[in-house]
Amino acid sequence: MNKEIVRAVNEQQVLNAVNKLVPSLQSVESAIQRPLSLGEKQIVSRAFECQRIGIHWFIKLEWHSKYKIPASKEIAKLIKPRGELLQQIFSLCKNVHCIPQMA
């Protein structure tokens, strides 16, 4: 992917894309077909937040080194490994996709 194209995307577009990737509490409740308890909502919300910050780390690590992670430094530092994992998965997908198909 062309890094210049990614850099041209503004921050709001990135946030919109991230919000589409991370599901909502309502989608979880509809999937399990019951309302979540307060404790369950807190756990799910934190998991979604970790995933969202992980995606921001992935963007920073893969395309835009000066990209600002929208979280406190302490939280962002804790979630950096998730971004690194996403980066490795992305790299694996790119490499597998580029392997010539054997007939």
PDB file of N, CA and C in Angstrom:
ATOM      1  N   MET A   1       0.846  -1.169   0.000  1.00  0.00           N
ATOM      2  CA  MET A   1       0.000   0.000   0.000  1.00  0.00           C
ATOM      3  C   MET A   1       0.892   1.233   0.000  1.00  0.00           C
ATOM      4  N   ASN A   2       0.468   2.241  -0.722  1.00  0.00           N
ATOM      5  CA  ASN A   2       1.246   3.458  -0.846  1.00  0.00           C
ATOM      6  C   ASN A   2       1.160   4.264   0.447  1.00  0.00           C
ATOM      7  N   LYS A   3       2.296   4.495   1.083  1.00  0.00           N
ATOM      8  CA  LYS A   3       2.321   5.208   2.356  1.00  0.00           C
ATOM      9  C   LYS A   3       1.835   6.647   2.209  1.00  0.00           C
ATOM     10  N   GLU A   4       2.064   7.260   1.054  1.00  0.00           N
ATOM     11  CA  GLU A   4       1.616   8.643   0.840  1.00  0.00           C
ATOM     12  C   GLU A   4       0.095   8.737   0.866  1.00  0.00           C
ATOM     13  N   ILE A   5      -0.568   7.727   0.346  1.00  0.00           N
ATOM     14  CA  ILE A   5      -2.032   7.726   0.367  1.00  0.00           C
ATOM     15  C   ILE A   5      -2.524   7.687   1.807  1.00  0.00           C
ATOM     16  N   VAL A   6      -1.920   6.848   2.609  1.00  0.00           N
ATOM     17  CA  VAL A   6      -2.344   6.719   4.003  1.00  0.00           C
ATOM     18  C   VAL A   6      -2.078   8.015   4.751  1.00  0.00           C
ATOM     19  N   ARG A   7      -0.955   8.649   4.516  1.00  0.00           N
ATOM     20  CA  ARG A   7      -0.647   9.908   5.203  1.00  0.00           C
ATOM     21  C   ARG A   7      -1.615  11.009   4.813  1.00  0.00           C
ATOM     22  N   ALA A   8      -2.179  10.931   3.608  1.00  0.00           N
ATOM     23  CA  ALA A   8      -3.096  11.963   3.149  1.00  0.00           C
ATOM     24  C   ALA A   8      -4.459  11.874   3.830  1.00  0.00           C
ATOM     25  N   VAL A   9      -4.741  10.739   4.427  1.00  0.00           N
ATOM     26  CA  VAL A   9      -6.017  10.563   5.112  1.00  0.00           C
ATOM     27  C   VAL A   9      -5.992  11.374   6.398  1.00  0.00           C
ATOM     28  N   ASN A  10      -7.025  12.166   6.620  1.00  0.00           N
ATOM     29  CA  ASN A  10      -7.016  12.981   7.837  1.00  0.00           C
ATOM     30  C   ASN A  10      -7.435  12.173   9.062  1.00  0.00           C
ATOM     31  N   GLU A  11      -7.188  12.738  10.215  1.00  0.00           N
ATOM     32  CA  GLU A  11      -7.418  12.020  11.469  1.00  0.00           C
ATOM     33  C   GLU A  11      -8.871  11.616  11.647  1.00  0.00           C
ATOM     34  N   GLN A  12      -9.807  12.453  11.214  1.00  0.00           N
ATOM     35  CA  GLN A  12     -11.220  12.122  11.366  1.00  0.00           C
ATOM     36  C   GLN A  12     -11.590  10.894  10.532  1.00  0.00           C
ATOM     37  N   GLN A  13     -11.023  10.772   9.345  1.00  0.00           N
ATOM     38  CA  GLN A  13     -11.282   9.600   8.525  1.00  0.00           C
ATOM     39  C   GLN A  13     -10.749   8.340   9.202  1.00  0.00           C
ATOM     40  N   VAL A  14      -9.583   8.455   9.829  1.00  0.00           N
ATOM     41  CA  VAL A  14      -9.016   7.319  10.554  1.00  0.00           C
ATOM     42  C   VAL A  14      -9.934   6.933  11.707  1.00  0.00           C
ATOM     43  N   LEU A  15     -10.388   7.918  12.467  1.00  0.00           N
ATOM     44  CA  LEU A  15     -11.275   7.629  13.599  1.00  0.00           C
ATOM     45  C   LEU A  15     -12.574   6.986  13.129  1.00  0.00           C
ATOM     46  N   ASN A  16     -13.115   7.457  12.015  1.00  0.00           N
ATOM     47  CA  ASN A  16     -14.340   6.863  11.478  1.00  0.00           C
ATOM     48  C   ASN A  16     -14.103   5.403  11.097  1.00  0.00           C
ATOM     49  N   ALA A  17     -12.974   5.122  10.468  1.00  0.00           N
ATOM     50  CA  ALA A  17     -12.651   3.746  10.078  1.00  0.00           C
ATOM     51  C   ALA A  17     -12.467   2.861  11.307  1.00  0.00           C
ATOM     52  N   VAL A  18     -11.771   3.374  12.321  1.00  0.00           N
ATOM     53  CA  VAL A  18     -11.564   2.607  13.552  1.00  0.00           C
ATOM     54  C   VAL A  18     -12.894   2.306  14.217  1.00  0.00           C
ATOM     55  N   ASN A  19     -13.775   3.285  14.271  1.00  0.00           N
ATOM     56  CA  ASN A  19     -15.078   3.081  14.904  1.00  0.00           C
ATOM     57  C   ASN A  19     -15.905   2.033  14.168  1.00  0.00           C
ATOM     58  N   LYS A  20     -15.721   1.909  12.862  1.00  0.00           N
ATOM     59  CA  LYS A  20     -16.433   0.878  12.108  1.00  0.00           C
ATOM     60  C   LYS A  20     -15.844  -0.502  12.375  1.00  0.00           C
ATOM     61  N   LEU A  21     -14.542  -0.569  12.660  1.00  0.00           N
ATOM     62  CA  LEU A  21     -13.895  -1.856  12.908  1.00  0.00           C
ATOM     63  C   LEU A  21     -14.219  -2.416  14.284  1.00  0.00           C
ATOM     64  N   VAL A  22     -14.379  -1.543  15.251  1.00  0.00           N
ATOM     65  CA  VAL A  22     -14.628  -1.984  16.624  1.00  0.00           C
ATOM     66  C   VAL A  22     -16.143  -2.010  16.845  1.00  0.00           C
ATOM     67  N   PRO A  23     -16.683  -3.154  17.201  1.00  0.00           N
ATOM     68  CA  PRO A  23     -18.140  -3.265  17.364  1.00  0.00           C
ATOM     69  C   PRO A  23     -18.656  -2.451  18.548  1.00  0.00           C
ATOM     70  N   SER A  24     -19.953  -2.287  18.593  1.00  0.00           N
ATOM     71  CA  SER A  24     -20.577  -1.530  19.673  1.00  0.00           C
ATOM     72  C   SER A  24     -21.160  -2.477  20.715  1.00  0.00           C
ATOM     73  N   LEU A  25     -21.481  -1.920  21.874  1.00  0.00           N
ATOM     74  CA  LEU A  25     -22.125  -2.717  22.925  1.00  0.00           C
ATOM     75  C   LEU A  25     -23.462  -3.273  22.443  1.00  0.00           C
ATOM     76  N   GLN A  26     -24.189  -2.467  21.646  1.00  0.00           N
ATOM     77  CA  GLN A  26     -25.484  -2.917  21.142  1.00  0.00           C
ATOM     78  C   GLN A  26     -25.325  -4.147  20.248  1.00  0.00           C
ATOM     79  N   SER A  27     -24.248  -4.184  19.457  1.00  0.00           N
ATOM     80  CA  SER A  27     -24.058  -5.345  18.584  1.00  0.00           C
ATOM     81  C   SER A  27     -23.743  -6.599  19.404  1.00  0.00           C
ATOM     82  N   VAL A  28     -23.035  -6.426  20.522  1.00  0.00           N
ATOM     83  CA  VAL A  28     -22.753  -7.573  21.389  1.00  0.00           C
ATOM     84  C   VAL A  28     -24.041  -8.053  22.041  1.00  0.00           C
ATOM     85  N   GLU A  29     -24.841  -7.112  22.535  1.00  0.00           N
ATOM     86  CA  GLU A  29     -26.100  -7.493  23.176  1.00  0.00           C
ATOM     87  C   GLU A  29     -27.029  -8.209  22.201  1.00  0.00           C
ATOM     88  N   SER A  30     -27.069  -7.730  20.958  1.00  0.00           N
ATOM     89  CA  SER A  30     -27.937  -8.398  19.986  1.00  0.00           C
ATOM     90  C   SER A  30     -27.380  -9.768  19.605  1.00  0.00           C
ATOM     91  N   ALA A  31     -26.063  -9.912  19.605  1.00  0.00           N
ATOM     92  CA  ALA A  31     -25.456 -11.201  19.270  1.00  0.00           C
ATOM     93  C   ALA A  31     -25.736 -12.253  20.342  1.00  0.00           C
ATOM     94  N   ILE A  32     -25.694 -11.842  21.606  1.00  0.00           N
ATOM     95  CA  ILE A  32     -25.941 -12.813  22.689  1.00  0.00           C
ATOM     96  C   ILE A  32     -27.416 -12.845  23.087  1.00  0.00           C
ATOM     97  N   GLN A  33     -28.217 -11.978  22.503  1.00  0.00           N
ATOM     98  CA  GLN A  33     -29.667 -11.935  22.670  1.00  0.00           C
ATOM     99  C   GLN A  33     -30.120 -11.714  24.106  1.00  0.00           C
ATOM    100  N   ARG A  34     -29.367 -10.864  24.797  1.00  0.00           N
ATOM    101  CA  ARG A  34     -29.788 -10.447  26.137  1.00  0.00           C
ATOM    102  C   ARG A  34     -29.007  -9.185  26.495  1.00  0.00           C
ATOM    103  N   PRO A  35     -29.571  -8.362  27.382  1.00  0.00           N
ATOM    104  CA  PRO A  35     -28.831  -7.175  27.817  1.00  0.00           C
ATOM    105  C   PRO A  35     -27.620  -7.570  28.659  1.00  0.00           C
ATOM    106  N   LEU A  36     -26.572  -6.783  28.564  1.00  0.00           N
ATOM    107  CA  LEU A  36     -25.376  -7.025  29.376  1.00  0.00           C
ATOM    108  C   LEU A  36     -25.542  -6.410  30.758  1.00  0.00           C
ATOM    109  N   SER A  37     -24.982  -7.050  31.763  1.00  0.00           N
ATOM    110  CA  SER A  37     -24.962  -6.462  33.104  1.00  0.00           C
ATOM    111  C   SER A  37     -23.955  -5.317  33.112  1.00  0.00           C
ATOM    112  N   LEU A  38     -23.949  -4.523  34.149  1.00  0.00           N
ATOM    113  CA  LEU A  38     -23.018  -3.403  34.249  1.00  0.00           C
ATOM    114  C   LEU A  38     -21.575  -3.892  34.200  1.00  0.00           C
ATOM    115  N   GLY A  39     -21.260  -4.954  34.926  1.00  0.00           N
ATOM    116  CA  GLY A  39     -19.903  -5.502  34.917  1.00  0.00           C
ATOM    117  C   GLY A  39     -19.488  -6.000  33.540  1.00  0.00           C
ATOM    118  N   GLU A  40     -20.425  -6.680  32.865  1.00  0.00           N
ATOM    119  CA  GLU A  40     -20.137  -7.161  31.510  1.00  0.00           C
ATOM    120  C   GLU A  40     -19.902  -6.000  30.554  1.00  0.00           C
ATOM    121  N   LYS A  41     -20.714  -4.945  30.701  1.00  0.00           N
ATOM    122  CA  LYS A  41     -20.539  -3.762  29.844  1.00  0.00           C
ATOM    123  C   LYS A  41     -19.164  -3.129  30.055  1.00  0.00           C
ATOM    124  N   GLN A  42     -18.713  -3.083  31.291  1.00  0.00           N
ATOM    125  CA  GLN A  42     -17.396  -2.508  31.570  1.00  0.00           C
ATOM    126  C   GLN A  42     -16.288  -3.353  30.948  1.00  0.00           C
ATOM    127  N   ILE A  43     -16.390  -4.663  31.051  1.00  0.00           N
ATOM    128  CA  ILE A  43     -15.381  -5.558  30.475  1.00  0.00           C
ATOM    129  C   ILE A  43     -15.360  -5.422  28.960  1.00  0.00           C
ATOM    130  N   VAL A  44     -16.533  -5.454  28.347  1.00  0.00           N
ATOM    131  CA  VAL A  44     -16.620  -5.349  26.886  1.00  0.00           C
ATOM    132  C   VAL A  44     -16.124  -3.983  26.417  1.00  0.00           C
ATOM    133  N   SER A  45     -16.498  -2.925  27.144  1.00  0.00           N
ATOM    134  CA  SER A  45     -16.051  -1.578  26.767  1.00  0.00           C
ATOM    135  C   SER A  45     -14.528  -1.466  26.822  1.00  0.00           C
ATOM    136  N   ARG A  46     -13.924  -2.032  27.842  1.00  0.00           N
ATOM    137  CA  ARG A  46     -12.450  -1.990  27.955  1.00  0.00           C
ATOM    138  C   ARG A  46     -11.794  -2.808  26.845  1.00  0.00           C
ATOM    139  N   ALA A  47     -12.386  -3.939  26.505  1.00  0.00           N
ATOM    140  CA  ALA A  47     -11.838  -4.754  25.405  1.00  0.00           C
ATOM    141  C   ALA A  47     -11.920  -3.987  24.089  1.00  0.00           C
ATOM    142  N   PHE A  48     -13.051  -3.323  23.855  1.00  0.00           N
ATOM    143  CA  PHE A  48     -13.205  -2.521  22.634  1.00  0.00           C
ATOM    144  C   PHE A  48     -12.200  -1.377  22.618  1.00  0.00           C
ATOM    145  N   GLU A  49     -12.003  -0.741  23.756  1.00  0.00           N
ATOM    146  CA  GLU A  49     -11.061   0.378  23.839  1.00  0.00           C
ATOM    147  C   GLU A  49      -9.633  -0.104  23.582  1.00  0.00           C
ATOM    148  N   CYS A  50      -9.275  -1.254  24.114  1.00  0.00           N
ATOM    149  CA  CYS A  50      -7.942  -1.814  23.856  1.00  0.00           C
ATOM    150  C   CYS A  50      -7.768  -2.109  22.371  1.00  0.00           C
ATOM    151  N   GLN A  51      -8.786  -2.663  21.757  1.00  0.00           N
ATOM    152  CA  GLN A  51      -8.696  -2.964  20.325  1.00  0.00           C
ATOM    153  C   GLN A  51      -8.576  -1.674  19.517  1.00  0.00           C
ATOM    154  N   ARG A  52      -9.345  -0.660  19.891  1.00  0.00           N
ATOM    155  CA  ARG A  52      -9.301   0.617  19.167  1.00  0.00           C
ATOM    156  C   ARG A  52      -7.910   1.238  19.272  1.00  0.00           C
ATOM    157  N   ILE A  53      -7.340   1.248  20.463  1.00  0.00           N
ATOM    158  CA  ILE A  53      -6.002   1.815  20.648  1.00  0.00           C
ATOM    159  C   ILE A  53      -4.960   0.955  19.928  1.00  0.00           C
ATOM    160  N   GLY A  54      -5.160  -0.365  19.927  1.00  0.00           N
ATOM    161  CA  GLY A  54      -4.269  -1.250  19.180  1.00  0.00           C
ATOM    162  C   GLY A  54      -4.260  -0.921  17.690  1.00  0.00           C
ATOM    163  N   ILE A  55      -5.419  -0.611  17.143  1.00  0.00           N
ATOM    164  CA  ILE A  55      -5.506  -0.228  15.727  1.00  0.00           C
ATOM    165  C   ILE A  55      -4.776   1.089  15.492  1.00  0.00           C
ATOM    166  N   HIS A  56      -4.900   2.010  16.435  1.00  0.00           N
ATOM    167  CA  HIS A  56      -4.156   3.275  16.311  1.00  0.00           C
ATOM    168  C   HIS A  56      -2.648   3.007  16.334  1.00  0.00           C
ATOM    169  N   TRP A  57      -2.211   2.089  17.208  1.00  0.00           N
ATOM    170  CA  TRP A  57      -0.786   1.722  17.237  1.00  0.00           C
ATOM    171  C   TRP A  57      -0.362   1.131  15.901  1.00  0.00           C
ATOM    172  N   PHE A  58      -1.189   0.274  15.343  1.00  0.00           N
ATOM    173  CA  PHE A  58      -0.883  -0.318  14.046  1.00  0.00           C
ATOM    174  C   PHE A  58      -0.673   0.763  12.992  1.00  0.00           C
ATOM    175  N   ILE A  59      -1.547   1.755  12.964  1.00  0.00           N
ATOM    176  CA  ILE A  59      -1.414   2.861  12.012  1.00  0.00           C
ATOM    177  C   ILE A  59      -0.087   3.579  12.236  1.00  0.00           C
ATOM    178  N   LYS A  60       0.236   3.835  13.495  1.00  0.00           N
ATOM    179  CA  LYS A  60       1.491   4.526  13.819  1.00  0.00           C
ATOM    180  C   LYS A  60       2.710   3.695  13.408  1.00  0.00           C
ATOM    181  N   LEU A  61       2.699   2.424  13.724  1.00  0.00           N
ATOM    182  CA  LEU A  61       3.846   1.561  13.453  1.00  0.00           C
ATOM    183  C   LEU A  61       4.014   1.273  11.958  1.00  0.00           C
ATOM    184  N   GLU A  62       2.927   1.125  11.255  1.00  0.00           N
ATOM    185  CA  GLU A  62       2.995   0.705   9.856  1.00  0.00           C
ATOM    186  C   GLU A  62       3.150   1.870   8.883  1.00  0.00           C
ATOM    187  N   TRP A  63       2.485   3.001   9.153  1.00  0.00           N
ATOM    188  CA  TRP A  63       2.434   4.042   8.137  1.00  0.00           C
ATOM    189  C   TRP A  63       2.885   5.423   8.577  1.00  0.00           C
ATOM    190  N   HIS A  64       2.595   5.795   9.796  1.00  0.00           N
ATOM    191  CA  HIS A  64       2.774   7.203  10.159  1.00  0.00           C
ATOM    192  C   HIS A  64       3.413   7.303  11.545  1.00  0.00           C
ATOM    193  N   SER A  65       4.745   7.345  11.581  1.00  0.00           N
ATOM    194  CA  SER A  65       5.472   7.279  12.848  1.00  0.00           C
ATOM    195  C   SER A  65       5.172   8.444  13.786  1.00  0.00           C
ATOM    196  N   LYS A  66       4.698   9.554  13.267  1.00  0.00           N
ATOM    197  CA  LYS A  66       4.391  10.712  14.114  1.00  0.00           C
ATOM    198  C   LYS A  66       2.909  10.770  14.511  1.00  0.00           C
ATOM    199  N   TYR A  67       2.179   9.730  14.167  1.00  0.00           N
ATOM    200  CA  TYR A  67       0.755   9.665  14.494  1.00  0.00           C
ATOM    201  C   TYR A  67       0.572   9.659  16.005  1.00  0.00           C
ATOM    202  N   LYS A  68      -0.370  10.439  16.500  1.00  0.00           N
ATOM    203  CA  LYS A  68      -0.612  10.539  17.944  1.00  0.00           C
ATOM    204  C   LYS A  68      -1.668   9.524  18.361  1.00  0.00           C
ATOM    205  N   ILE A  69      -1.305   8.684  19.307  1.00  0.00           N
ATOM    206  CA  ILE A  69      -2.234   7.686  19.856  1.00  0.00           C
ATOM    207  C   ILE A  69      -3.209   8.415  20.782  1.00  0.00           C
ATOM    208  N   PRO A  70      -4.524   8.271  20.549  1.00  0.00           N
ATOM    209  CA  PRO A  70      -5.504   8.990  21.368  1.00  0.00           C
ATOM    210  C   PRO A  70      -5.758   8.318  22.720  1.00  0.00           C
ATOM    211  N   ALA A  71      -4.719   8.277  23.542  1.00  0.00           N
ATOM    212  CA  ALA A  71      -4.832   7.705  24.889  1.00  0.00           C
ATOM    213  C   ALA A  71      -3.687   8.268  25.722  1.00  0.00           C
ATOM    214  N   SER A  72      -3.797   8.127  27.019  1.00  0.00           N
ATOM    215  CA  SER A  72      -2.698   8.577  27.868  1.00  0.00           C
ATOM    216  C   SER A  72      -1.456   7.756  27.540  1.00  0.00           C
ATOM    217  N   LYS A  73      -0.285   8.314  27.839  1.00  0.00           N
ATOM    218  CA  LYS A  73       0.965   7.616  27.531  1.00  0.00           C
ATOM    219  C   LYS A  73       1.058   6.286  28.244  1.00  0.00           C
ATOM    220  N   GLU A  74       0.576   6.225  29.476  1.00  0.00           N
ATOM    221  CA  GLU A  74       0.645   4.981  30.246  1.00  0.00           C
ATOM    222  C   GLU A  74      -0.208   3.886  29.606  1.00  0.00           C
ATOM    223  N   ILE A  75      -1.432   4.242  29.239  1.00  0.00           N
ATOM    224  CA  ILE A  75      -2.337   3.268  28.612  1.00  0.00           C
ATOM    225  C   ILE A  75      -1.806   2.869  27.242  1.00  0.00           C
ATOM    226  N   ALA A  76      -1.385   3.859  26.463  1.00  0.00           N
ATOM    227  CA  ALA A  76      -0.876   3.569  25.116  1.00  0.00           C
ATOM    228  C   ALA A  76       0.316   2.617  25.176  1.00  0.00           C
ATOM    229  N   LYS A  77       1.205   2.827  26.134  1.00  0.00           N
ATOM    230  CA  LYS A  77       2.386   1.975  26.272  1.00  0.00           C
ATOM    231  C   LYS A  77       1.981   0.526  26.574  1.00  0.00           C
ATOM    232  N   LEU A  78       0.959   0.353  27.405  1.00  0.00           N
ATOM    233  CA  LEU A  78       0.497  -0.994  27.746  1.00  0.00           C
ATOM    234  C   LEU A  78      -0.113  -1.718  26.545  1.00  0.00           C
ATOM    235  N   ILE A  79      -0.695  -0.975  25.623  1.00  0.00           N
ATOM    236  CA  ILE A  79      -1.422  -1.583  24.510  1.00  0.00           C
ATOM    237  C   ILE A  79      -0.570  -1.673  23.242  1.00  0.00           C
ATOM    238  N   LYS A  80       0.644  -1.131  23.277  1.00  0.00           N
ATOM    239  CA  LYS A  80       1.516  -1.179  22.109  1.00  0.00           C
ATOM    240  C   LYS A  80       1.718  -2.604  21.575  1.00  0.00           C
ATOM    241  N   PRO A  81       1.887  -3.635  22.424  1.00  0.00           N
ATOM    242  CA  PRO A  81       2.048  -4.992  21.885  1.00  0.00           C
ATOM    243  C   PRO A  81       0.880  -5.444  21.002  1.00  0.00           C
ATOM    244  N   ARG A  82      -0.317  -4.982  21.290  1.00  0.00           N
ATOM    245  CA  ARG A  82      -1.468  -5.335  20.452  1.00  0.00           C
ATOM    246  C   ARG A  82      -1.292  -4.736  19.058  1.00  0.00           C
ATOM    247  N   GLY A  83      -0.815  -3.501  19.002  1.00  0.00           N
ATOM    248  CA  GLY A  83      -0.538  -2.869  17.711  1.00  0.00           C
ATOM    249  C   GLY A  83       0.562  -3.589  16.956  1.00  0.00           C
ATOM    250  N   GLU A  84       1.583  -4.045  17.695  1.00  0.00           N
ATOM    251  CA  GLU A  84       2.667  -4.802  17.063  1.00  0.00           C
ATOM    252  C   GLU A  84       2.149  -6.132  16.519  1.00  0.00           C
ATOM    253  N   LEU A  85       1.234  -6.768  17.255  1.00  0.00           N
ATOM    254  CA  LEU A  85       0.625  -8.006  16.782  1.00  0.00           C
ATOM    255  C   LEU A  85      -0.160  -7.755  15.497  1.00  0.00           C
ATOM    256  N   LEU A  86      -0.956  -6.694  15.475  1.00  0.00           N
ATOM    257  CA  LEU A  86      -1.713  -6.359  14.269  1.00  0.00           C
ATOM    258  C   LEU A  86      -0.775  -6.091  13.093  1.00  0.00           C
ATOM    259  N   GLN A  87       0.348  -5.434  13.369  1.00  0.00           N
ATOM    260  CA  GLN A  87       1.330  -5.152  12.324  1.00  0.00           C
ATOM    261  C   GLN A  87       1.910  -6.461  11.771  1.00  0.00           C
ATOM    262  N   GLN A  88       2.203  -7.415  12.637  1.00  0.00           N
ATOM    263  CA  GLN A  88       2.742  -8.703  12.203  1.00  0.00           C
ATOM    264  C   GLN A  88       1.709  -9.493  11.399  1.00  0.00           C
ATOM    265  N   ILE A  89       0.469  -9.444  11.828  1.00  0.00           N
ATOM    266  CA  ILE A  89      -0.602 -10.123  11.081  1.00  0.00           C
ATOM    267  C   ILE A  89      -0.739  -9.500   9.698  1.00  0.00           C
ATOM    268  N   PHE A  90      -0.690  -8.173   9.636  1.00  0.00           N
ATOM    269  CA  PHE A  90      -0.769  -7.462   8.361  1.00  0.00           C
ATOM    270  C   PHE A  90       0.396  -7.861   7.461  1.00  0.00           C
ATOM    271  N   SER A  91       1.592  -7.918   8.025  1.00  0.00           N
ATOM    272  CA  SER A  91       2.781  -8.303   7.265  1.00  0.00           C
ATOM    273  C   SER A  91       2.644  -9.727   6.734  1.00  0.00           C
ATOM    274  N   LEU A  92       2.171 -10.626   7.565  1.00  0.00           N
ATOM    275  CA  LEU A  92       1.943 -12.004   7.149  1.00  0.00           C
ATOM    276  C   LEU A  92       0.947 -12.064   5.993  1.00  0.00           C
ATOM    277  N   CYS A  93      -0.141 -11.327   6.113  1.00  0.00           N
ATOM    278  CA  CYS A  93      -1.159 -11.309   5.047  1.00  0.00           C
ATOM    279  C   CYS A  93      -0.570 -10.776   3.742  1.00  0.00           C
ATOM    280  N   LYS A  94       0.224  -9.703   3.827  1.00  0.00           N
ATOM    281  CA  LYS A  94       0.850  -9.161   2.619  1.00  0.00           C
ATOM    282  C   LYS A  94       1.770 -10.191   1.988  1.00  0.00           C
ATOM    283  N   ASN A  95       2.579 -10.869   2.795  1.00  0.00           N
ATOM    284  CA  ASN A  95       3.518 -11.854   2.267  1.00  0.00           C
ATOM    285  C   ASN A  95       2.806 -13.044   1.646  1.00  0.00           C
ATOM    286  N   VAL A  96       1.771 -13.530   2.294  1.00  0.00           N
ATOM    287  CA  VAL A  96       1.016 -14.672   1.757  1.00  0.00           C
ATOM    288  C   VAL A  96       0.310 -14.269   0.461  1.00  0.00           C
ATOM    289  N   HIS A  97      -0.208 -13.059   0.436  1.00  0.00           N
ATOM    290  CA  HIS A  97      -0.922 -12.584  -0.744  1.00  0.00           C
ATOM    291  C   HIS A  97       0.019 -12.454  -1.948  1.00  0.00           C
ATOM    292  N   CYS A  98       1.284 -12.156  -1.697  1.00  0.00           N
ATOM    293  CA  CYS A  98       2.254 -11.947  -2.769  1.00  0.00           C
ATOM    294  C   CYS A  98       2.880 -13.242  -3.276  1.00  0.00           C
ATOM    295  N   ILE A  99       2.634 -14.367  -2.601  1.00  0.00           N
ATOM    296  CA  ILE A  99       3.177 -15.644  -3.056  1.00  0.00           C
ATOM    297  C   ILE A  99       2.475 -16.026  -4.356  1.00  0.00           C
ATOM    298  N   PRO A 100       3.240 -16.365  -5.404  1.00  0.00           N
ATOM    299  CA  PRO A 100       2.602 -16.771  -6.671  1.00  0.00           C
ATOM    300  C   PRO A 100       1.760 -18.028  -6.451  1.00  0.00           C
ATOM    301  N   GLN A 101       0.615 -18.038  -7.077  1.00  0.00           N
ATOM    302  CA  GLN A 101      -0.296 -19.184  -6.950  1.00  0.00           C
ATOM    303  C   GLN A 101       0.268 -20.359  -7.731  1.00  0.00           C
ATOM    304  N   MET A 102       0.320 -21.516  -7.110  1.00  0.00           N
ATOM    305  CA  MET A 102       0.805 -22.723  -7.781  1.00  0.00           C
ATOM    306  C   MET A 102      -0.375 -23.453  -8.391  1.00  0.00           C
ATOM    307  N   ALA A 103      -0.228 -23.884  -9.607  1.00  0.00           N
ATOM    308  CA  ALA A 103      -1.316 -24.581 -10.291  1.00  0.00           C
ATOM    309  C   ALA A 103      -1.195 -26.078 -10.138  1.00  0.00           C
TER     310      ALA A 103
END
